[in-house]
Amino acid sequence: MLEEVTAFGIVSDFVAPSTSGLNRMPIQEQLAVYAHLKQLIDRTS
């Protein structure tokens, strides 16, 4: 998820779950987070 407050006022912080196999978050939720990240990257590129 994109943090509303940035650390330095220049860069937005994106917090995402680890892709480690130890992560207990369902895969569909993980995919949704990374799909959102891709949308943000595409929008800023």
Protein backbone atom coordinates (compact mmCIF):
# COMPACT_ATOMS: atom_id res chain seq x y z
CA MET A 1 0.00 0.00 0.00
CA LEU A 2 1.14 3.51 -0.72
CA GLU A 3 1.97 5.50 2.38
CA GLU A 4 0.15 8.84 2.59
CA VAL A 5 3.09 10.52 4.33
CA THR A 6 6.48 10.33 2.64
CA ALA A 7 9.74 9.92 4.50
CA PHE A 8 11.50 12.83 2.83
CA GLY A 9 8.73 14.59 0.91
CA ILE A 10 10.16 13.43 -2.41
CA VAL A 11 9.73 9.68 -2.65
CA SER A 12 6.52 7.81 -1.93
CA ASP A 13 6.90 4.74 0.25
CA PHE A 14 5.22 1.54 -0.91
CA VAL A 15 4.81 -1.15 1.70
CA ALA A 16 4.26 -4.67 0.43
CA PRO A 17 4.33 -8.13 1.97
CA SER A 18 7.39 -10.29 1.63
CA THR A 19 7.37 -12.71 -1.28
CA SER A 20 8.94 -15.28 1.05
CA GLY A 21 7.28 -18.66 1.29
CA LEU A 22 6.98 -17.97 5.02
CA ASN A 23 4.42 -15.22 4.36
CA ARG A 24 0.97 -16.31 5.61
CA MET A 25 -1.00 -13.82 3.49
CA PRO A 26 -3.15 -15.55 0.84
CA ILE A 27 -1.55 -15.46 -2.60
CA GLN A 28 -4.53 -13.60 -4.11
CA GLU A 29 -4.05 -10.76 -1.61
CA GLN A 30 -0.33 -10.63 -2.36
CA LEU A 31 -1.03 -10.49 -6.09
CA ALA A 32 -3.48 -7.63 -5.57
CA VAL A 33 -0.82 -5.63 -3.68
CA TYR A 34 1.78 -6.14 -6.41
CA ALA A 35 -0.77 -5.38 -9.15
CA HIS A 36 -1.41 -2.05 -7.40
CA LEU A 37 2.35 -1.41 -7.32
CA LYS A 38 2.55 -2.06 -11.07
CA GLN A 39 -0.26 0.45 -11.67
CA LEU A 40 1.64 3.08 -9.69
CA ILE A 41 4.84 2.37 -11.62
CA ASP A 42 3.03 2.55 -14.95
CA ARG A 43 1.37 5.84 -13.95
CA THR A 44 4.67 7.47 -13.02
CA SER A 45 6.68 6.17 -15.99
